[in-house]
């Protein structure tokens, strides 16, 4: 059966993304390369206007709307990063936007969304509450709902990262990506698998929020009762069949990491590489350091997907790690590949 998203869709999305966004850098890390016995590169999405990859898919979705739909506007439900991406994209494309986020979301994220001209509505305490209100706005006001991951246009937009990786590092043979709802890894994997030369794609989920991995192994969307992780952008109760099918088709392996590993990687980015990376964006490095992904001898890309961490979280992680880590982090490959489950 033909996949719902094709390479041509990602190529078309790139034309949209390139009009509005600077190219995300792909930087080689000599320090990580020496530590890990690999040629390690970082695809750094934290320099995007909203400090996360989410804006790519939002631009592609909103750009697809006809004039009437764009005039009615768009609505999104989000814990924060997707809301900022939709707010930015809507402003860039001249569409009014409403973003619904849970009560208790960072005041700074609210201010950023409003600065882009979006109407912000706060509802409930979890994503499901925001989703219910967003769909009500969609029905009652005729706005187009912009899903964070379960939309072919969103997946194609996120997949533009994969095309950039192929352009900038043709020798790449392993790409490691954080997984929340599955939109990012679906798009990247589709794009990099389009090349004849083999590229292995590995996804990383929090131990307490591995809905995509469970769903991929089951062949259908599986719902988690109470997903949880310090990597809040990766916490999703479930995924969508669109993403399940794409992951099963293009992704080689999904692994999990615990919160300690995520916080260690966040601290390493800050302390050793001078990068502010949220725990969600640090998941690929966490998996490598924890021995979940063997990178030895390979040309590796770690996708650094976001940098929206609160000062309080960064201060806690830095304070705890500075007190207990007397020396730089060491590779943990000798621990084997616990937690790694092949999809096929």
C-alpha atoms as a PDB file:
ATOM      1  CA  UNK A   1       0.000   0.000   0.000  1.00  0.00           C
ATOM      2  CA  UNK A   2       1.261   3.485  -0.877  1.00  0.00           C
ATOM      3  CA  UNK A   3       2.333   5.446   2.238  1.00  0.00           C
ATOM      4  CA  UNK A   4       0.258   8.486   3.208  1.00  0.00           C
ATOM      5  CA  UNK A   5       3.360  10.681   2.968  1.00  0.00           C
ATOM      6  CA  UNK A   6       5.836  10.389   0.103  1.00  0.00           C
ATOM      7  CA  UNK A   7       9.262  11.823  -0.604  1.00  0.00           C
ATOM      8  CA  UNK A   8       7.682  14.264  -3.085  1.00  0.00           C
ATOM      9  CA  UNK A   9       5.637  15.696  -0.217  1.00  0.00           C
ATOM     10  CA  UNK A  10       8.769  16.335   1.837  1.00  0.00           C
ATOM     11  CA  UNK A  11      10.492  17.963  -1.138  1.00  0.00           C
ATOM     12  CA  UNK A  12       7.474  20.237  -1.622  1.00  0.00           C
ATOM     13  CA  UNK A  13       7.473  21.101   2.082  1.00  0.00           C
ATOM     14  CA  UNK A  14      11.098  22.126   1.848  1.00  0.00           C
ATOM     15  CA  UNK A  15      10.227  24.872  -0.621  1.00  0.00           C
ATOM     16  CA  UNK A  16       7.866  26.310   2.007  1.00  0.00           C
ATOM     17  CA  UNK A  17      10.220  25.914   4.965  1.00  0.00           C
ATOM     18  CA  UNK A  18      13.160  27.487   3.130  1.00  0.00           C
ATOM     19  CA  UNK A  19      11.129  30.628   2.435  1.00  0.00           C
ATOM     20  CA  UNK A  20      10.647  31.394   6.117  1.00  0.00           C
ATOM     21  CA  UNK A  21      13.351  29.730   8.198  1.00  0.00           C
ATOM     22  CA  UNK A  22      17.133  29.828   8.391  1.00  0.00           C
ATOM     23  CA  UNK A  23      18.899  26.554   7.692  1.00  0.00           C
ATOM     24  CA  UNK A  24      19.478  24.627  10.920  1.00  0.00           C
ATOM     25  CA  UNK A  25      23.208  23.982  11.354  1.00  0.00           C
ATOM     26  CA  UNK A  26      24.747  20.532  11.256  1.00  0.00           C
ATOM     27  CA  UNK A  27      27.880  20.687  13.414  1.00  0.00           C
ATOM     28  CA  UNK A  28      30.501  18.036  13.988  1.00  0.00           C
ATOM     29  CA  UNK A  29      31.372  17.540  17.660  1.00  0.00           C
ATOM     30  CA  UNK A  30      35.061  16.652  18.021  1.00  0.00           C
ATOM     31  CA  UNK A  31      34.543  16.047  21.750  1.00  0.00           C
ATOM     32  CA  UNK A  32      31.688  13.566  21.351  1.00  0.00           C
ATOM     33  CA  UNK A  33      33.413  11.951  18.387  1.00  0.00           C
ATOM     34  CA  UNK A  34      36.548  11.307  20.449  1.00  0.00           C
ATOM     35  CA  UNK A  35      34.547  10.049  23.422  1.00  0.00           C
ATOM     36  CA  UNK A  36      32.322   7.704  21.470  1.00  0.00           C
ATOM     37  CA  UNK A  37      34.635   6.358  18.799  1.00  0.00           C
ATOM     38  CA  UNK A  38      32.373   7.697  16.075  1.00  0.00           C
ATOM     39  CA  UNK A  39      32.004  10.659  13.745  1.00  0.00           C
ATOM     40  CA  UNK A  40      29.290  12.521  15.669  1.00  0.00           C
ATOM     41  CA  UNK A  41      27.330  15.451  14.247  1.00  0.00           C
ATOM     42  CA  UNK A  42      24.558  17.526  15.843  1.00  0.00           C
ATOM     43  CA  UNK A  43      21.549  18.742  13.845  1.00  0.00           C
ATOM     44  CA  UNK A  44      20.719  21.775  15.980  1.00  0.00           C
ATOM     45  CA  UNK A  45      17.067  22.873  15.790  1.00  0.00           C
ATOM     46  CA  UNK A  46      17.343  25.167  18.823  1.00  0.00           C
ATOM     47  CA  UNK A  47      18.287  28.154  16.634  1.00  0.00           C
ATOM     48  CA  UNK A  48      14.862  28.201  15.002  1.00  0.00           C
ATOM     49  CA  UNK A  49      12.753  31.289  15.882  1.00  0.00           C
ATOM     50  CA  UNK A  50      10.713  29.186  18.320  1.00  0.00           C
ATOM     51  CA  UNK A  51      13.764  27.139  19.486  1.00  0.00           C
ATOM     52  CA  UNK A  52      12.247  23.889  18.236  1.00  0.00           C
ATOM     53  CA  UNK A  53      11.615  21.940  15.029  1.00  0.00           C
ATOM     54  CA  UNK A  54       7.813  22.215  15.383  1.00  0.00           C
ATOM     55  CA  UNK A  55       7.597  25.350  13.265  1.00  0.00           C
ATOM     56  CA  UNK A  56       8.542  23.400  10.121  1.00  0.00           C
ATOM     57  CA  UNK A  57       5.382  21.310  10.040  1.00  0.00           C
ATOM     58  CA  UNK A  58       3.201  24.246  11.090  1.00  0.00           C
ATOM     59  CA  UNK A  59       4.439  26.334   8.166  1.00  0.00           C
ATOM     60  CA  UNK A  60       3.783  23.527   5.706  1.00  0.00           C
ATOM     61  CA  UNK A  61       0.259  22.923   7.013  1.00  0.00           C
ATOM     62  CA  UNK A  62      -0.851  26.555   7.069  1.00  0.00           C
ATOM     63  CA  UNK A  63       0.741  27.296   3.680  1.00  0.00           C
ATOM     64  CA  UNK A  64      -1.470  24.567   2.187  1.00  0.00           C
ATOM     65  CA  UNK A  65      -4.708  26.383   3.113  1.00  0.00           C
ATOM     66  CA  UNK A  66      -6.676  28.303   0.502  1.00  0.00           C
ATOM     67  CA  UNK A  67      -7.376  31.991   0.986  1.00  0.00           C
ATOM     68  CA  UNK A  68     -10.768  31.472   2.648  1.00  0.00           C
ATOM     69  CA  UNK A  69      -9.472  28.918   5.142  1.00  0.00           C
ATOM     70  CA  UNK A  70      -6.466  31.058   5.919  1.00  0.00           C
ATOM     71  CA  UNK A  71      -8.740  34.009   6.589  1.00  0.00           C
ATOM     72  CA  UNK A  72     -10.843  31.966   9.037  1.00  0.00           C
ATOM     73  CA  UNK A  73      -7.629  31.030  10.815  1.00  0.00           C
ATOM     74  CA  UNK A  74      -6.147  28.044  12.590  1.00  0.00           C
ATOM     75  CA  UNK A  75      -6.340  26.478  16.026  1.00  0.00           C
ATOM     76  CA  UNK A  76      -3.907  24.192  17.842  1.00  0.00           C
ATOM     77  CA  UNK A  77      -3.661  22.335  21.141  1.00  0.00           C
ATOM     78  CA  UNK A  78      -0.251  22.107  22.706  1.00  0.00           C
ATOM     79  CA  UNK A  79       1.851  21.842  25.854  1.00  0.00           C
ATOM     80  CA  UNK A  80       3.943  24.717  24.498  1.00  0.00           C
ATOM     81  CA  UNK A  81       6.344  24.051  21.612  1.00  0.00           C
ATOM     82  CA  UNK A  82       3.713  23.273  18.959  1.00  0.00           C
ATOM     83  CA  UNK A  83       1.748  26.348  20.053  1.00  0.00           C
ATOM     84  CA  UNK A  84       4.755  28.577  19.430  1.00  0.00           C
ATOM     85  CA  UNK A  85       5.345  26.984  16.036  1.00  0.00           C
ATOM     86  CA  UNK A  86       1.742  27.508  14.985  1.00  0.00           C
ATOM     87  CA  UNK A  87       1.758  31.093  16.272  1.00  0.00           C
ATOM     88  CA  UNK A  88       4.910  31.904  14.299  1.00  0.00           C
ATOM     89  CA  UNK A  89       3.723  30.172  11.129  1.00  0.00           C
ATOM     90  CA  UNK A  90       0.297  31.807  11.247  1.00  0.00           C
ATOM     91  CA  UNK A  91       1.867  35.251  11.638  1.00  0.00           C
ATOM     92  CA  UNK A  92       4.271  34.590   8.762  1.00  0.00           C
ATOM     93  CA  UNK A  93       1.441  33.472   6.474  1.00  0.00           C
ATOM     94  CA  UNK A  94      -1.164  36.044   7.503  1.00  0.00           C
ATOM     95  CA  UNK A  95      -3.620  33.746   9.283  1.00  0.00           C
ATOM     96  CA  UNK A  96      -5.200  34.421  12.699  1.00  0.00           C
ATOM     97  CA  UNK A  97      -4.293  31.731  15.218  1.00  0.00           C
ATOM     98  CA  UNK A  98      -5.765  30.449  18.463  1.00  0.00           C
ATOM     99  CA  UNK A  99      -3.590  28.200  20.608  1.00  0.00           C
ATOM    100  CA  UNK A 100      -4.920  26.231  23.554  1.00  0.00           C
ATOM    101  CA  UNK A 101      -2.521  25.220  26.324  1.00  0.00           C
ATOM    102  CA  UNK A 102      -2.948  23.756  29.813  1.00  0.00           C
ATOM    103  CA  UNK A 103      -3.181  25.924  32.900  1.00  0.00           C
ATOM    104  CA  UNK A 104       0.243  26.187  34.455  1.00  0.00           C
ATOM    105  CA  UNK A 105       2.136  26.469  31.164  1.00  0.00           C
ATOM    106  CA  UNK A 106       5.113  28.817  31.320  1.00  0.00           C
ATOM    107  CA  UNK A 107       4.082  32.466  31.279  1.00  0.00           C
ATOM    108  CA  UNK A 108       6.939  33.132  28.875  1.00  0.00           C
ATOM    109  CA  UNK A 109       5.506  30.673  26.329  1.00  0.00           C
ATOM    110  CA  UNK A 110       2.147  32.432  26.624  1.00  0.00           C
ATOM    111  CA  UNK A 111       3.841  35.784  26.034  1.00  0.00           C
ATOM    112  CA  UNK A 112       5.776  34.478  23.035  1.00  0.00           C
ATOM    113  CA  UNK A 113       2.596  33.175  21.401  1.00  0.00           C
ATOM    114  CA  UNK A 114       0.816  36.463  22.013  1.00  0.00           C
ATOM    115  CA  UNK A 115       3.794  38.387  20.654  1.00  0.00           C
ATOM    116  CA  UNK A 116       3.294  36.554  17.358  1.00  0.00           C
ATOM    117  CA  UNK A 117      -0.336  37.704  17.416  1.00  0.00           C
ATOM    118  CA  UNK A 118      -1.999  34.459  18.512  1.00  0.00           C
ATOM    119  CA  UNK A 119      -4.978  34.310  20.844  1.00  0.00           C
ATOM    120  CA  UNK A 120      -4.054  32.142  23.830  1.00  0.00           C
ATOM    121  CA  UNK A 121      -6.632  30.061  25.675  1.00  0.00           C
ATOM    122  CA  UNK A 122      -5.742  28.101  28.826  1.00  0.00           C
ATOM    123  CA  UNK A 123      -7.762  24.979  29.557  1.00  0.00           C
ATOM    124  CA  UNK A 124      -7.452  22.088  31.997  1.00  0.00           C
ATOM    125  CA  UNK A 125      -4.295  20.478  33.271  1.00  0.00           C
ATOM    126  CA  UNK A 126      -3.366  17.994  30.520  1.00  0.00           C
ATOM    127  CA  UNK A 127      -3.152  17.901  26.733  1.00  0.00           C
ATOM    128  CA  UNK A 128      -6.449  16.039  26.394  1.00  0.00           C
ATOM    129  CA  UNK A 129      -8.254  19.011  27.985  1.00  0.00           C
ATOM    130  CA  UNK A 130      -6.672  21.434  25.520  1.00  0.00           C
ATOM    131  CA  UNK A 131      -7.530  19.133  22.627  1.00  0.00           C
ATOM    132  CA  UNK A 132     -11.224  19.089  23.502  1.00  0.00           C
ATOM    133  CA  UNK A 133     -11.420  22.890  23.526  1.00  0.00           C
ATOM    134  CA  UNK A 134      -9.399  23.206  20.314  1.00  0.00           C
ATOM    135  CA  UNK A 135     -11.797  20.891  18.477  1.00  0.00           C
ATOM    136  CA  UNK A 136     -14.756  22.858  19.802  1.00  0.00           C
ATOM    137  CA  UNK A 137     -13.217  26.054  18.417  1.00  0.00           C
ATOM    138  CA  UNK A 138     -12.608  24.219  15.145  1.00  0.00           C
ATOM    139  CA  UNK A 139     -16.302  23.273  14.896  1.00  0.00           C
ATOM    140  CA  UNK A 140     -17.815  26.507  16.124  1.00  0.00           C
ATOM    141  CA  UNK A 141     -15.516  29.027  14.430  1.00  0.00           C
ATOM    142  CA  UNK A 142     -14.569  27.163  11.282  1.00  0.00           C
ATOM    143  CA  UNK A 143     -10.846  27.283  12.020  1.00  0.00           C
ATOM    144  CA  UNK A 144      -8.476  24.653  10.656  1.00  0.00           C
ATOM    145  CA  UNK A 145      -7.074  22.365  13.311  1.00  0.00           C
ATOM    146  CA  UNK A 146      -3.277  21.996  13.142  1.00  0.00           C
ATOM    147  CA  UNK A 147      -2.356  18.639  14.676  1.00  0.00           C
ATOM    148  CA  UNK A 148       1.085  18.341  16.330  1.00  0.00           C
ATOM    149  CA  UNK A 149       1.962  15.051  14.598  1.00  0.00           C
ATOM    150  CA  UNK A 150      -0.961  13.156  12.987  1.00  0.00           C
ATOM    151  CA  UNK A 151      -1.148  15.006   9.668  1.00  0.00           C
ATOM    152  CA  UNK A 152       0.674  14.190   6.416  1.00  0.00           C
ATOM    153  CA  UNK A 153       1.556  17.858   5.907  1.00  0.00           C
ATOM    154  CA  UNK A 154       3.013  18.111   9.410  1.00  0.00           C
ATOM    155  CA  UNK A 155       5.054  14.943   8.898  1.00  0.00           C
ATOM    156  CA  UNK A 156       6.327  16.232   5.545  1.00  0.00           C
ATOM    157  CA  UNK A 157       7.344  19.511   7.129  1.00  0.00           C
ATOM    158  CA  UNK A 158       9.327  17.788   9.868  1.00  0.00           C
ATOM    159  CA  UNK A 159      10.867  15.537   7.228  1.00  0.00           C
ATOM    160  CA  UNK A 160      12.713  18.513   5.732  1.00  0.00           C
ATOM    161  CA  UNK A 161      15.275  17.949   8.497  1.00  0.00           C
ATOM    162  CA  UNK A 162      16.102  14.627   6.871  1.00  0.00           C
ATOM    163  CA  UNK A 163      16.679  16.232   3.477  1.00  0.00           C
ATOM    164  CA  UNK A 164      19.033  18.780   5.034  1.00  0.00           C
ATOM    165  CA  UNK A 165      20.984  15.996   6.741  1.00  0.00           C
ATOM    166  CA  UNK A 166      21.440  14.192   3.414  1.00  0.00           C
ATOM    167  CA  UNK A 167      22.643  17.401   1.757  1.00  0.00           C
ATOM    168  CA  UNK A 168      25.072  18.408   4.499  1.00  0.00           C
ATOM    169  CA  UNK A 169      26.402  14.968   5.446  1.00  0.00           C
ATOM    170  CA  UNK A 170      26.065  12.456   2.606  1.00  0.00           C
ATOM    171  CA  UNK A 171      28.184   9.973   4.573  1.00  0.00           C
ATOM    172  CA  UNK A 172      25.675   9.766   7.455  1.00  0.00           C
ATOM    173  CA  UNK A 173      24.749   6.153   8.191  1.00  0.00           C
ATOM    174  CA  UNK A 174      22.928   6.542  11.553  1.00  0.00           C
ATOM    175  CA  UNK A 175      20.370   9.167  12.601  1.00  0.00           C
ATOM    176  CA  UNK A 176      19.064   9.227  16.175  1.00  0.00           C
ATOM    177  CA  UNK A 177      15.818  11.104  16.866  1.00  0.00           C
ATOM    178  CA  UNK A 178      13.658  11.858  19.927  1.00  0.00           C
ATOM    179  CA  UNK A 179      10.106  10.465  19.757  1.00  0.00           C
ATOM    180  CA  UNK A 180       6.951  11.948  21.269  1.00  0.00           C
ATOM    181  CA  UNK A 181       3.850  11.584  19.105  1.00  0.00           C
ATOM    182  CA  UNK A 182       5.882  10.307  16.163  1.00  0.00           C
ATOM    183  CA  UNK A 183       5.664  13.149  13.639  1.00  0.00           C
ATOM    184  CA  UNK A 184       9.347  14.086  13.739  1.00  0.00           C
ATOM    185  CA  UNK A 185      10.819  10.623  13.357  1.00  0.00           C
ATOM    186  CA  UNK A 186       8.218   9.661  10.733  1.00  0.00           C
ATOM    187  CA  UNK A 187       9.249  12.544   8.500  1.00  0.00           C
ATOM    188  CA  UNK A 188      13.001  12.258   9.033  1.00  0.00           C
ATOM    189  CA  UNK A 189      13.035   8.502   8.505  1.00  0.00           C
ATOM    190  CA  UNK A 190      10.997   8.750   5.313  1.00  0.00           C
ATOM    191  CA  UNK A 191      13.394  11.373   3.935  1.00  0.00           C
ATOM    192  CA  UNK A 192      16.693   9.663   4.762  1.00  0.00           C
ATOM    193  CA  UNK A 193      15.473   6.243   3.642  1.00  0.00           C
ATOM    194  CA  UNK A 194      14.896   7.715   0.179  1.00  0.00           C
ATOM    195  CA  UNK A 195      18.603   7.455  -0.505  1.00  0.00           C
ATOM    196  CA  UNK A 196      20.016   4.275  -2.005  1.00  0.00           C
ATOM    197  CA  UNK A 197      22.893   4.188   0.515  1.00  0.00           C
ATOM    198  CA  UNK A 198      21.650   2.585   3.763  1.00  0.00           C
ATOM    199  CA  UNK A 199      20.913   4.907   6.685  1.00  0.00           C
ATOM    200  CA  UNK A 200      19.846   3.447  10.008  1.00  0.00           C
ATOM    201  CA  UNK A 201      17.189   5.428  11.926  1.00  0.00           C
ATOM    202  CA  UNK A 202      16.747   4.945  15.680  1.00  0.00           C
ATOM    203  CA  UNK A 203      14.075   6.639  17.795  1.00  0.00           C
ATOM    204  CA  UNK A 204      14.394   7.425  21.503  1.00  0.00           C
ATOM    205  CA  UNK A 205      11.454   7.561  23.919  1.00  0.00           C
ATOM    206  CA  UNK A 206      11.265   8.164  27.675  1.00  0.00           C
ATOM    207  CA  UNK A 207      10.747   4.983  29.689  1.00  0.00           C
ATOM    208  CA  UNK A 208       7.538   6.428  31.102  1.00  0.00           C
ATOM    209  CA  UNK A 209       6.124   7.567  27.761  1.00  0.00           C
ATOM    210  CA  UNK A 210       6.809   4.986  25.063  1.00  0.00           C
ATOM    211  CA  UNK A 211       3.464   5.060  23.254  1.00  0.00           C
ATOM    212  CA  UNK A 212       4.972   5.045  19.759  1.00  0.00           C
ATOM    213  CA  UNK A 213       7.190   2.046  20.452  1.00  0.00           C
ATOM    214  CA  UNK A 214       4.347   0.043  21.927  1.00  0.00           C
ATOM    215  CA  UNK A 215       2.073   1.070  19.073  1.00  0.00           C
ATOM    216  CA  UNK A 216       4.610   0.168  16.404  1.00  0.00           C
ATOM    217  CA  UNK A 217       5.129  -3.276  17.871  1.00  0.00           C
ATOM    218  CA  UNK A 218       1.364  -3.811  18.156  1.00  0.00           C
ATOM    219  CA  UNK A 219       0.651  -2.491  14.658  1.00  0.00           C
ATOM    220  CA  UNK A 220      -1.991  -0.062  15.923  1.00  0.00           C
ATOM    221  CA  UNK A 221      -2.217   2.937  18.249  1.00  0.00           C
ATOM    222  CA  UNK A 222      -1.812   1.970  21.913  1.00  0.00           C
ATOM    223  CA  UNK A 223      -2.941   4.351  24.661  1.00  0.00           C
ATOM    224  CA  UNK A 224      -0.922   4.763  27.848  1.00  0.00           C
ATOM    225  CA  UNK A 225      -2.770   5.351  31.095  1.00  0.00           C
ATOM    226  CA  UNK A 226      -0.414   7.832  32.769  1.00  0.00           C
ATOM    227  CA  UNK A 227       2.621   8.716  30.644  1.00  0.00           C
ATOM    228  CA  UNK A 228       5.263  10.763  32.416  1.00  0.00           C
ATOM    229  CA  UNK A 229       8.815  12.043  31.976  1.00  0.00           C
ATOM    230  CA  UNK A 230      11.035  15.046  32.655  1.00  0.00           C
ATOM    231  CA  UNK A 231      11.082  15.254  28.842  1.00  0.00           C
ATOM    232  CA  UNK A 232       7.612  16.768  28.803  1.00  0.00           C
ATOM    233  CA  UNK A 233       7.563  17.433  25.043  1.00  0.00           C
ATOM    234  CA  UNK A 234       7.849  13.678  24.480  1.00  0.00           C
ATOM    235  CA  UNK A 235       4.960  12.744  26.761  1.00  0.00           C
ATOM    236  CA  UNK A 236       1.998  11.550  24.698  1.00  0.00           C
ATOM    237  CA  UNK A 237      -0.768   9.177  25.697  1.00  0.00           C
ATOM    238  CA  UNK A 238      -0.893   7.690  22.236  1.00  0.00           C
ATOM    239  CA  UNK A 239      -0.101   8.260  18.585  1.00  0.00           C
ATOM    240  CA  UNK A 240      -2.010   7.914  15.306  1.00  0.00           C
ATOM    241  CA  UNK A 241      -2.214   5.123  12.756  1.00  0.00           C
ATOM    242  CA  UNK A 242      -0.551   7.435  10.224  1.00  0.00           C
ATOM    243  CA  UNK A 243       2.547   7.599  12.398  1.00  0.00           C
ATOM    244  CA  UNK A 244       2.403   3.925  13.353  1.00  0.00           C
ATOM    245  CA  UNK A 245       2.459   2.910   9.680  1.00  0.00           C
ATOM    246  CA  UNK A 246       5.326   5.266   8.819  1.00  0.00           C
ATOM    247  CA  UNK A 247       7.408   4.203  11.807  1.00  0.00           C
ATOM    248  CA  UNK A 248       6.913   0.520  11.032  1.00  0.00           C
ATOM    249  CA  UNK A 249       7.886   1.137   7.404  1.00  0.00           C
ATOM    250  CA  UNK A 250      10.925   3.392   7.828  1.00  0.00           C
ATOM    251  CA  UNK A 251      12.306   3.290  11.388  1.00  0.00           C
ATOM    252  CA  UNK A 252      14.792   0.550  12.271  1.00  0.00           C
ATOM    253  CA  UNK A 253      14.600   0.597  16.060  1.00  0.00           C
ATOM    254  CA  UNK A 254      13.015   2.341  19.030  1.00  0.00           C
ATOM    255  CA  UNK A 255      14.744   2.449  22.417  1.00  0.00           C
ATOM    256  CA  UNK A 256      13.927   3.974  25.804  1.00  0.00           C
ATOM    257  CA  UNK A 257      15.884   6.002  28.357  1.00  0.00           C
ATOM    258  CA  UNK A 258      15.120   6.967  31.939  1.00  0.00           C
ATOM    259  CA  UNK A 259      14.850  10.472  33.356  1.00  0.00           C
ATOM    260  CA  UNK A 260      18.312  10.354  34.942  1.00  0.00           C
ATOM    261  CA  UNK A 261      19.863   9.740  31.525  1.00  0.00           C
ATOM    262  CA  UNK A 262      17.823  12.565  29.998  1.00  0.00           C
ATOM    263  CA  UNK A 263      18.943  14.986  32.705  1.00  0.00           C
ATOM    264  CA  UNK A 264      22.574  13.858  32.397  1.00  0.00           C
ATOM    265  CA  UNK A 265      22.482  14.564  28.651  1.00  0.00           C
ATOM    266  CA  UNK A 266      20.860  17.954  29.207  1.00  0.00           C
ATOM    267  CA  UNK A 267      23.664  18.841  31.607  1.00  0.00           C
ATOM    268  CA  UNK A 268      26.344  17.547  29.238  1.00  0.00           C
ATOM    269  CA  UNK A 269      25.087  19.749  26.420  1.00  0.00           C
ATOM    270  CA  UNK A 270      25.257  22.774  28.702  1.00  0.00           C
ATOM    271  CA  UNK A 271      28.499  21.990  30.504  1.00  0.00           C
ATOM    272  CA  UNK A 272      30.614  20.498  27.732  1.00  0.00           C
ATOM    273  CA  UNK A 273      29.102  21.855  24.499  1.00  0.00           C
ATOM    274  CA  UNK A 274      27.677  25.218  25.632  1.00  0.00           C
ATOM    275  CA  UNK A 275      24.232  24.400  24.226  1.00  0.00           C
ATOM    276  CA  UNK A 276      20.935  24.965  26.017  1.00  0.00           C
ATOM    277  CA  UNK A 277      18.946  21.820  25.203  1.00  0.00           C
ATOM    278  CA  UNK A 278      15.755  20.693  26.924  1.00  0.00           C
ATOM    279  CA  UNK A 279      15.553  17.061  28.111  1.00  0.00           C
ATOM    280  CA  UNK A 280      13.313  16.193  25.150  1.00  0.00           C
ATOM    281  CA  UNK A 281      15.941  17.434  22.714  1.00  0.00           C
ATOM    282  CA  UNK A 282      18.711  15.670  24.624  1.00  0.00           C
ATOM    283  CA  UNK A 283      17.117  12.215  24.268  1.00  0.00           C
ATOM    284  CA  UNK A 284      19.365  11.022  21.398  1.00  0.00           C
ATOM    285  CA  UNK A 285      22.532  11.831  23.342  1.00  0.00           C
ATOM    286  CA  UNK A 286      21.005  10.254  26.456  1.00  0.00           C
ATOM    287  CA  UNK A 287      20.404   7.019  24.550  1.00  0.00           C
ATOM    288  CA  UNK A 288      23.953   6.914  23.231  1.00  0.00           C
ATOM    289  CA  UNK A 289      25.486   7.645  26.638  1.00  0.00           C
ATOM    290  CA  UNK A 290      23.272   5.031  28.308  1.00  0.00           C
ATOM    291  CA  UNK A 291      24.376   2.356  25.847  1.00  0.00           C
ATOM    292  CA  UNK A 292      20.988   2.034  24.161  1.00  0.00           C
ATOM    293  CA  UNK A 293      22.448   2.874  20.748  1.00  0.00           C
ATOM    294  CA  UNK A 294      25.852   1.618  19.583  1.00  0.00           C
ATOM    295  CA  UNK A 295      27.489   4.334  17.470  1.00  0.00           C
ATOM    296  CA  UNK A 296      31.052   3.016  17.360  1.00  0.00           C
ATOM    297  CA  UNK A 297      32.673   3.404  13.962  1.00  0.00           C
ATOM    298  CA  UNK A 298      29.647   5.106  12.429  1.00  0.00           C
ATOM    299  CA  UNK A 299      28.895   8.546  10.993  1.00  0.00           C
ATOM    300  CA  UNK A 300      26.142   9.654  13.338  1.00  0.00           C
ATOM    301  CA  UNK A 301      23.642  12.521  13.467  1.00  0.00           C
ATOM    302  CA  UNK A 302      21.988  13.325  16.793  1.00  0.00           C
ATOM    303  CA  UNK A 303      18.927  15.500  16.175  1.00  0.00           C
ATOM    304  CA  UNK A 304      18.858  18.243  18.831  1.00  0.00           C
ATOM    305  CA  UNK A 305      15.158  18.949  18.499  1.00  0.00           C
ATOM    306  CA  UNK A 306      14.445  21.692  21.046  1.00  0.00           C
ATOM    307  CA  UNK A 307      15.735  24.112  23.647  1.00  0.00           C
ATOM    308  CA  UNK A 308      12.622  25.278  25.486  1.00  0.00           C
ATOM    309  CA  UNK A 309      13.682  24.472  29.041  1.00  0.00           C
ATOM    310  CA  UNK A 310      12.599  26.656  31.958  1.00  0.00           C
ATOM    311  CA  UNK A 311      15.286  28.379  34.041  1.00  0.00           C
ATOM    312  CA  UNK A 312      14.090  26.466  37.101  1.00  0.00           C
ATOM    313  CA  UNK A 313      14.546  23.087  35.396  1.00  0.00           C
ATOM    314  CA  UNK A 314      17.954  23.991  34.020  1.00  0.00           C
ATOM    315  CA  UNK A 315      19.063  25.312  37.414  1.00  0.00           C
ATOM    316  CA  UNK A 316      17.960  22.128  39.187  1.00  0.00           C
ATOM    317  CA  UNK A 317      19.646  19.824  36.701  1.00  0.00           C
ATOM    318  CA  UNK A 318      22.850  21.865  36.632  1.00  0.00           C
ATOM    319  CA  UNK A 319      22.972  22.179  40.399  1.00  0.00           C
ATOM    320  CA  UNK A 320      22.484  18.473  41.031  1.00  0.00           C
ATOM    321  CA  UNK A 321      24.944  17.364  38.340  1.00  0.00           C
ATOM    322  CA  UNK A 322      27.602  19.899  39.278  1.00  0.00           C
ATOM    323  CA  UNK A 323      27.463  18.610  42.843  1.00  0.00           C
ATOM    324  CA  UNK A 324      27.753  14.930  41.935  1.00  0.00           C
ATOM    325  CA  UNK A 325      29.768  14.764  38.726  1.00  0.00           C
ATOM    326  CA  UNK A 326      33.437  15.191  39.508  1.00  0.00           C
ATOM    327  CA  UNK A 327      34.552  14.407  35.962  1.00  0.00           C
ATOM    328  CA  UNK A 328      33.110  14.722  32.437  1.00  0.00           C
ATOM    329  CA  UNK A 329      30.602  12.097  31.357  1.00  0.00           C
ATOM    330  CA  UNK A 330      32.107   8.929  29.943  1.00  0.00           C
ATOM    331  CA  UNK A 331      30.693   6.647  27.264  1.00  0.00           C
ATOM    332  CA  UNK A 332      28.427   3.966  28.707  1.00  0.00           C
ATOM    333  CA  UNK A 333      28.593   1.535  25.833  1.00  0.00           C
ATOM    334  CA  UNK A 334      29.957  -1.255  27.967  1.00  0.00           C
ATOM    335  CA  UNK A 335      26.480  -1.593  29.464  1.00  0.00           C
ATOM    336  CA  UNK A 336      25.202  -3.215  26.292  1.00  0.00           C
ATOM    337  CA  UNK A 337      21.973  -2.345  24.547  1.00  0.00           C
ATOM    338  CA  UNK A 338      19.397  -2.749  27.300  1.00  0.00           C
ATOM    339  CA  UNK A 339      16.029  -1.269  26.438  1.00  0.00           C
ATOM    340  CA  UNK A 340      16.631  -1.588  22.700  1.00  0.00           C
ATOM    341  CA  UNK A 341      13.828  -3.334  20.859  1.00  0.00           C
ATOM    342  CA  UNK A 342      14.033  -3.817  17.089  1.00  0.00           C
ATOM    343  CA  UNK A 343      10.836  -3.176  15.165  1.00  0.00           C
ATOM    344  CA  UNK A 344      11.616  -5.951  12.756  1.00  0.00           C
END
